[in-house]
Protein backbone atom coordinates (compact mmCIF):
# COMPACT_ATOMS: atom_id res chain seq x y z
CA MET A 1 -149.91 178.53 215.52
CA GLU A 2 -146.19 179.29 215.73
CA LEU A 3 -143.68 177.91 213.28
CA ILE A 4 -139.96 178.55 212.88
CA PHE A 5 -138.57 178.97 209.37
CA ALA A 6 -134.92 177.91 209.49
CA SER A 7 -133.62 180.69 207.26
CA HIS A 8 -131.64 183.91 207.50
CA ASN A 9 -132.76 184.89 203.98
CA GLU A 10 -135.16 187.77 204.58
CA HIS A 11 -136.35 187.67 200.94
CA LYS A 12 -137.55 184.10 201.45
CA VAL A 13 -139.01 184.89 204.87
CA GLU A 14 -141.08 187.74 203.44
CA GLU A 15 -142.18 185.63 200.45
CA ILE A 16 -143.39 182.86 202.73
CA ARG A 17 -145.01 185.23 205.26
CA ALA A 18 -147.04 186.65 202.37
CA ILE A 19 -148.23 183.17 201.39
CA LEU A 20 -149.03 181.70 204.82
CA PRO A 21 -152.42 182.25 206.45
CA GLU A 22 -152.42 184.92 209.17
CA ARG A 23 -153.12 182.34 211.87
CA ILE A 24 -149.58 180.99 211.41
CA ARG A 25 -146.97 183.14 213.15
CA LEU A 26 -143.75 182.67 211.22
CA LEU A 27 -140.47 183.16 213.08
CA SER A 28 -137.16 183.42 211.24
CA LEU A 29 -133.78 182.41 212.63
CA ASN A 30 -133.16 186.10 213.34
CA ASP A 31 -136.41 186.23 215.33
CA ILE A 32 -135.24 183.40 217.61
CA GLY A 33 -131.74 184.84 217.98
CA PHE A 34 -129.96 182.12 215.98
CA GLN A 35 -127.13 183.83 214.09
CA ASP A 36 -124.97 180.88 213.01
CA GLU A 37 -124.89 179.57 209.46
CA ILE A 38 -126.04 175.99 209.02
CA GLU A 39 -123.79 174.21 206.55
CA GLU A 40 -125.68 172.64 203.67
CA THR A 41 -123.58 169.53 203.15
CA GLY A 42 -126.29 167.39 201.54
CA SER A 43 -126.14 166.17 197.96
CA THR A 44 -129.85 166.82 197.36
CA LEU A 45 -132.32 169.60 198.10
CA GLU A 46 -134.17 167.23 200.44
CA ALA A 47 -131.02 166.50 202.44
CA ASN A 48 -130.11 170.19 202.80
CA ALA A 49 -133.63 171.12 203.92
CA GLN A 50 -133.56 168.29 206.45
CA ILE A 51 -130.14 169.30 207.82
CA LYS A 52 -131.37 172.84 208.49
CA ALA A 53 -134.72 171.79 209.99
CA GLU A 54 -133.16 169.13 212.22
CA THR A 55 -130.50 171.55 213.50
CA ILE A 56 -133.14 174.04 214.68
CA PHE A 57 -135.52 171.35 215.96
CA GLN A 58 -132.75 169.80 218.09
CA LEU A 59 -131.82 173.23 219.42
CA THR A 60 -135.34 174.48 220.20
CA GLY A 61 -137.64 171.44 220.29
CA LYS A 62 -140.18 173.58 218.43
CA ASN A 63 -142.02 172.95 215.19
CA VAL A 64 -139.82 174.07 212.32
CA PHE A 65 -139.39 173.92 208.60
CA ALA A 66 -136.55 174.64 206.22
CA ASP A 67 -136.33 174.73 202.48
CA ASP A 68 -133.76 174.36 199.79
CA THR A 69 -134.21 175.51 196.24
CA GLY A 70 -132.30 174.85 193.08
CA LEU A 71 -132.37 175.86 189.46
CA PHE A 72 -131.98 172.84 187.18
CA VAL A 73 -130.91 173.60 183.59
CA GLU A 74 -131.45 170.85 181.04
CA ALA A 75 -128.54 171.76 178.74
CA LEU A 76 -126.17 171.67 181.75
CA ASN A 77 -127.30 168.22 182.90
CA GLY A 78 -129.23 169.73 185.80
CA LEU A 79 -126.63 172.20 186.99
CA PRO A 80 -126.48 174.38 189.02
CA GLY A 81 -129.06 172.27 190.93
CA VAL A 82 -128.26 171.74 194.59
CA HIS A 83 -125.29 174.11 194.21
CA SER A 84 -127.40 177.02 192.89
CA ALA A 85 -126.61 179.47 195.71
CA ARG A 86 -122.85 178.90 195.47
CA TYR A 87 -122.56 178.07 191.78
CA ALA A 88 -119.79 180.55 190.99
CA GLY A 89 -118.04 179.86 194.29
CA THR A 90 -118.48 183.38 195.65
CA GLY A 91 -121.97 183.22 197.16
CA LYS A 92 -122.96 186.28 195.08
CA PHE A 93 -125.90 185.83 192.75
CA GLU A 94 -124.50 188.35 190.27
CA ASP A 95 -121.52 186.01 189.80
CA ASN A 96 -123.81 182.97 189.57
CA ILE A 97 -125.82 184.67 186.81
CA VAL A 98 -122.67 185.52 184.84
CA LYS A 99 -121.38 181.94 185.15
CA LEU A 100 -124.72 180.45 184.08
CA LEU A 101 -125.02 182.74 181.07
CA ASN A 102 -121.43 181.96 180.03
CA GLU A 103 -122.08 178.22 180.24
CA LEU A 104 -125.26 178.54 178.17
CA ASN A 105 -123.62 180.75 175.56
CA GLY A 106 -124.42 179.32 172.12
CA LYS A 107 -126.82 176.67 173.46
CA THR A 108 -130.33 176.69 172.01
CA ASN A 109 -131.87 174.46 174.68
CA ARG A 110 -132.79 176.92 177.46
CA ASN A 111 -135.23 174.62 179.30
CA ALA A 112 -134.97 174.80 183.07
CA TYR A 113 -137.00 174.40 186.21
CA PHE A 114 -136.91 175.70 189.74
CA LYS A 115 -137.55 173.19 192.50
CA THR A 116 -138.16 173.90 196.17
CA VAL A 117 -138.20 171.14 198.78
CA ILE A 118 -139.39 171.81 202.31
CA CYS A 119 -138.60 169.68 205.33
CA LEU A 120 -141.25 170.25 207.99
CA ILE A 121 -140.67 168.79 211.43
CA TRP A 122 -143.97 168.85 213.29
CA GLU A 123 -143.94 167.27 216.75
CA GLY A 124 -140.92 165.21 215.73
CA LYS A 125 -142.40 163.83 212.48
CA LYS A 126 -140.93 164.84 209.09
CA TYR A 127 -142.80 165.87 205.95
CA PHE A 128 -141.32 166.84 202.56
CA PRO A 129 -143.65 168.96 200.40
CA GLU A 130 -142.12 170.25 197.16
CA GLY A 131 -142.89 172.57 194.28
CA ILE A 132 -141.63 172.78 190.71
CA ILE A 133 -142.11 175.41 188.01
CA GLU A 134 -140.76 174.97 184.50
CA GLY A 135 -139.52 177.68 182.20
CA GLN A 136 -136.69 179.03 180.07
CA ILE A 137 -133.40 180.76 180.81
CA GLN A 138 -133.22 184.12 179.06
CA GLU A 139 -130.08 185.23 177.18
CA GLN A 140 -129.65 188.20 179.50
CA ALA A 141 -130.91 189.34 182.89
CA VAL A 142 -134.26 191.16 182.67
CA GLY A 143 -136.03 192.89 185.56
CA SER A 144 -134.96 194.27 188.91
CA ASP A 145 -137.28 192.66 191.45
CA GLY A 146 -136.88 189.30 193.12
CA PHE A 147 -133.53 187.74 193.91
CA GLY A 148 -131.19 185.00 192.80
CA TYR A 149 -131.77 183.77 189.26
CA ASP A 150 -135.13 185.58 188.97
CA PRO A 151 -133.88 187.96 186.21
CA LEU A 152 -133.02 184.98 183.99
CA PHE A 153 -136.06 182.75 184.54
CA LEU A 154 -139.11 183.09 182.29
CA PRO A 155 -141.81 180.70 183.57
CA ASP A 156 -143.70 178.73 180.92
CA GLY A 157 -146.89 180.51 179.86
CA PHE A 158 -145.74 183.97 180.98
CA GLN A 159 -144.24 186.97 179.21
CA LYS A 160 -142.25 188.28 182.19
CA THR A 161 -139.28 186.92 184.09
CA PHE A 162 -139.68 186.42 187.83
CA ALA A 163 -137.67 189.64 188.30
CA GLU A 164 -140.17 191.60 186.16
CA MET A 165 -143.13 190.37 188.19
CA THR A 166 -144.42 192.00 191.33
CA ALA A 167 -143.95 190.01 194.52
CA ILE A 168 -147.68 189.24 194.48
CA GLU A 169 -147.55 187.93 190.88
CA LYS A 170 -144.53 185.75 191.59
CA ASN A 171 -145.93 184.51 194.91
CA HIS A 172 -148.97 183.11 193.14
CA ILE A 173 -147.08 180.88 190.69
CA SER A 174 -143.57 180.18 192.01
CA HIS A 175 -142.00 176.87 192.98
CA ARG A 176 -141.85 178.15 196.57
CA PHE A 177 -145.57 179.04 196.45
CA ILE A 178 -146.44 175.52 195.26
CA ALA A 179 -144.32 173.93 198.02
CA VAL A 180 -145.75 176.26 200.69
CA GLN A 181 -149.32 175.48 199.55
CA LYS A 182 -148.55 171.80 200.14
CA LEU A 183 -147.04 172.74 203.53
CA ILE A 184 -150.25 174.59 204.43
CA GLU A 185 -152.31 171.51 203.47
CA ILE A 186 -150.20 169.44 205.87
CA LEU A 187 -150.52 172.04 208.66
CA GLU A 188 -154.30 172.13 208.25
CA ASN A 189 -154.38 168.54 209.50
CA PHE A 190 -152.95 169.59 212.89
């Protein structure tokens, strides 16, 4: 089974390849020779995932999925949310981390959750599996693995941030893992 993942983010591609069963051959945008950036102009994670999936489906006519992920911080009324990747305006996660920590400075409520929404287009029909993991934002970045906000996010029930976990540990509990498990359940019906 061949499936295109509408992403240039090699970290995400590798994460998802590690989760998917071997019978699913995952192709990234780089694998299909698509080099353009797809603008995420939606106001929700669902809309952004759909924009990316529809763009590639219209171009290739092949089965495709895309995801969008956001970090939602309770004390910031859900920010950075849908704007997580570009929160500081630079597109650099180091800047996003600094901005987030500055905005949480002095706040005791550190509750947050990561949410991933996938838009799967399979033979023209759309599906939207999602995954959520709750946790806390740490007062400083801890750990060197992972990417994005991983050094700040301590999932509930764990003693390590995502960035302190191995890829295998993270891939068994993350928001993306939960969403991809639901994606696999949908694919098993085909």
